[in-house]
Amino acid sequence: MFCWNVATWELREAVNQTAAFYTDDVDEFAEAGLEKIPGTLVNAPMVARSPIRFECEYYSTLRLPGNPPMGTVDVVIGRVVGIHIDEAVLTGGKIDLGKVMPIARCGYFEYAVIRSDAVFEMIIPGDPKGLIGLEGNAKQAKELNAEQGGKKAGAAVAQDRGGSN
């Protein structure tokens, strides 16, 4: 079990601090000056100041080979069992990335930040029924799923086009 916390512009220095190599007896939260809050569904701490936090049950680890002198890189995959979103980052009931200002590691020592002036919407062309759920409307996806006798919402549309889902 583990928690994922969105890394934000505000938390960038703490994110960098937690990337240091520590022994197992060192509390990375304390080293980075981060306050912990307990998970409600899993036995793992979350970052209190992170506006979006997922509680996860472990599913799998994908080990990617590195190029010497670097070792391997592990990608840990979990099943999300709990989601916590600070209402301050919502606009019209949706996550507003301009308010979250998430950061992403790009490579080398470079990172990027998403700001409100960099967010735009692009809708995939094609049958709108194949897009249900992508816009964040779980209720609509469930209704379409029920109409189609339990098939995944996008699966029927993909099959109609000769593809698979």
Protein backbone atom coordinates (compact mmCIF):
# COMPACT_ATOMS: atom_id res chain seq x y z
CA MET A 1 0.00 0.00 0.00
CA PHE A 2 1.20 3.50 -0.77
CA CYS A 3 0.00 7.04 -1.46
CA TRP A 4 0.68 9.21 -4.49
CA ASN A 5 0.73 12.99 -3.99
CA VAL A 6 0.73 15.47 -6.84
CA ALA A 7 4.00 17.41 -6.98
CA THR A 8 3.27 21.13 -7.33
CA TRP A 9 5.22 24.31 -7.97
CA GLU A 10 4.70 25.28 -4.33
CA LEU A 11 6.19 21.93 -3.19
CA ARG A 12 9.07 21.84 -5.71
CA GLU A 13 11.89 22.31 -3.18
CA ALA A 14 10.48 19.58 -0.93
CA VAL A 15 10.02 17.29 -3.95
CA ASN A 16 13.68 17.82 -4.82
CA GLN A 17 14.76 17.16 -1.23
CA THR A 18 12.91 13.81 -1.18
CA ALA A 19 14.83 12.73 -4.30
CA ALA A 20 18.04 12.53 -2.26
CA PHE A 21 19.41 9.10 -1.36
CA TYR A 22 18.43 8.27 2.22
CA THR A 23 18.86 5.17 4.33
CA ASP A 24 15.69 3.41 5.46
CA ASP A 25 15.91 4.92 8.95
CA VAL A 26 15.60 8.52 7.66
CA ASP A 27 12.15 10.14 7.52
CA GLU A 28 12.00 11.90 4.12
CA PHE A 29 8.96 13.91 5.23
CA ALA A 30 10.97 15.39 8.12
CA GLU A 31 14.04 16.01 5.93
CA ALA A 32 11.89 17.91 3.42
CA GLY A 33 9.87 19.79 6.06
CA LEU A 34 6.61 18.15 4.97
CA GLU A 35 3.65 17.50 7.26
CA LYS A 36 2.21 13.96 7.12
CA ILE A 37 -1.43 13.06 7.29
CA PRO A 38 -2.51 9.42 7.57
CA GLY A 39 -4.26 7.61 4.76
CA THR A 40 -7.89 6.85 5.46
CA LEU A 41 -8.01 3.56 3.53
CA VAL A 42 -4.37 2.45 3.41
CA ASN A 43 -1.67 2.40 6.05
CA ALA A 44 0.60 5.00 4.43
CA PRO A 45 1.15 8.72 5.01
CA MET A 46 0.15 11.48 2.59
CA VAL A 47 1.63 14.95 2.05
CA ALA A 48 -0.72 17.37 3.82
CA ARG A 49 -0.01 20.31 1.47
CA SER A 50 -0.48 18.33 -1.75
CA PRO A 51 -3.85 19.33 -3.23
CA ILE A 52 -4.45 15.95 -4.90
CA ARG A 53 -3.64 12.66 -3.17
CA PHE A 54 -4.37 9.05 -4.16
CA GLU A 55 -4.41 6.12 -1.75
CA CYS A 56 -3.28 2.98 -3.59
CA GLU A 57 -3.09 -0.75 -3.16
CA TYR A 58 0.05 -2.24 -4.70
CA TYR A 59 -0.56 -3.99 -8.03
CA SER A 60 2.76 -4.49 -9.82
CA THR A 61 6.29 -3.23 -10.40
CA LEU A 62 7.73 -2.71 -13.85
CA ARG A 63 11.54 -2.75 -13.79
CA LEU A 64 13.14 -0.80 -16.63
CA PRO A 65 16.79 -1.37 -17.46
CA GLY A 66 19.17 1.56 -17.18
CA ASN A 67 22.28 2.36 -19.18
CA PRO A 68 25.51 1.97 -17.21
CA PRO A 69 26.54 3.53 -14.94
CA MET A 70 22.84 3.99 -14.04
CA GLY A 71 20.99 1.05 -12.53
CA THR A 72 17.41 0.01 -13.14
CA VAL A 73 14.32 2.16 -12.66
CA ASP A 74 11.22 0.73 -11.02
CA VAL A 75 7.75 1.95 -12.01
CA VAL A 76 5.35 1.02 -9.23
CA ILE A 77 1.74 0.55 -10.31
CA GLY A 78 -1.15 0.68 -7.87
CA ARG A 79 -4.93 0.42 -7.89
CA VAL A 80 -6.41 3.70 -6.64
CA VAL A 81 -8.77 3.04 -3.73
CA GLY A 82 -9.11 6.57 -2.37
CA ILE A 83 -8.92 10.06 -3.86
CA HIS A 84 -8.55 13.32 -1.94
CA ILE A 85 -8.88 16.64 -3.79
CA ASP A 86 -8.67 20.05 -2.12
CA GLU A 87 -11.73 22.06 -3.18
CA ALA A 88 -9.47 25.10 -3.66
CA VAL A 89 -8.15 23.53 -6.92
CA LEU A 90 -11.60 22.91 -8.40
CA THR A 91 -13.39 25.11 -10.93
CA GLY A 92 -16.92 24.10 -11.88
CA GLY A 93 -16.42 20.72 -10.20
CA LYS A 94 -13.35 19.86 -12.29
CA ILE A 95 -9.67 19.90 -11.36
CA ASP A 96 -8.19 23.19 -12.54
CA LEU A 97 -4.56 22.47 -13.45
CA GLY A 98 -3.85 26.20 -13.47
CA LYS A 99 -4.67 26.23 -9.75
CA VAL A 100 -2.79 22.99 -9.01
CA MET A 101 0.33 24.04 -10.95
CA PRO A 102 1.74 20.50 -11.15
CA ILE A 103 5.39 19.97 -12.01
CA ALA A 104 6.89 17.25 -14.18
CA ARG A 105 10.44 16.00 -14.49
CA CYS A 106 11.54 16.35 -18.09
CA GLY A 107 15.01 14.84 -17.95
CA TYR A 108 18.49 15.96 -17.05
CA PHE A 109 17.91 18.44 -14.19
CA GLU A 110 14.98 20.09 -15.96
CA TYR A 111 11.35 20.30 -14.82
CA ALA A 112 8.24 21.94 -16.24
CA VAL A 113 5.24 23.53 -14.56
CA ILE A 114 1.70 23.77 -15.90
CA ARG A 115 0.23 27.24 -15.42
CA SER A 116 -3.29 28.40 -16.24
CA ASP A 117 -2.23 30.13 -19.48
CA ALA A 118 -0.79 26.83 -20.77
CA VAL A 119 -3.94 24.71 -20.33
CA PHE A 120 -6.18 24.16 -23.36
CA GLU A 121 -8.84 21.69 -24.43
CA MET A 122 -8.82 19.50 -27.55
CA ILE A 123 -11.64 17.02 -28.16
CA ILE A 124 -10.81 13.84 -30.07
CA PRO A 125 -12.71 13.71 -33.39
CA GLY A 126 -15.22 10.95 -34.01
CA ASP A 127 -18.33 9.52 -32.39
CA PRO A 128 -19.00 11.38 -29.12
CA LYS A 129 -20.17 8.14 -27.47
CA GLY A 130 -16.60 6.86 -27.73
CA LEU A 131 -15.44 9.80 -25.63
CA ILE A 132 -17.83 9.36 -22.70
CA GLY A 133 -15.88 9.20 -19.49
CA LEU A 134 -12.90 11.15 -20.83
CA GLU A 135 -14.63 14.39 -19.91
CA GLY A 136 -14.93 13.26 -16.30
CA ASN A 137 -18.59 12.23 -16.27
CA ALA A 138 -18.63 8.79 -14.63
CA LYS A 139 -22.45 8.79 -14.42
CA GLN A 140 -22.78 9.16 -18.20
CA ALA A 141 -20.22 6.37 -18.76
CA LYS A 142 -22.15 4.01 -16.44
CA GLU A 143 -25.43 4.81 -18.22
CA LEU A 144 -23.95 4.07 -21.65
CA ASN A 145 -22.35 0.90 -20.28
CA ALA A 146 -25.76 -0.27 -19.02
CA GLU A 147 -27.38 0.55 -22.39
CA GLN A 148 -24.80 -1.60 -24.16
CA GLY A 149 -25.34 -4.60 -21.91
CA GLY A 150 -22.18 -4.24 -19.84
CA LYS A 151 -19.65 -3.55 -22.61
CA LYS A 152 -17.14 -0.82 -21.89
CA ALA A 153 -18.46 2.49 -23.22
CA GLY A 154 -15.70 3.03 -25.78
CA ALA A 155 -15.48 -0.65 -26.79
CA ALA A 156 -18.67 -0.70 -28.86
CA VAL A 157 -17.67 2.41 -30.77
CA ALA A 158 -14.16 1.04 -31.41
CA GLN A 159 -15.62 -2.24 -32.67
CA ASP A 160 -17.96 -0.34 -34.99
CA ARG A 161 -14.82 1.25 -36.51
CA GLY A 162 -13.12 -2.12 -36.84
CA GLY A 163 -10.82 -1.61 -33.84
CA SER A 164 -10.65 -3.05 -30.36
CA ASN A 165 -10.58 -1.66 -26.85
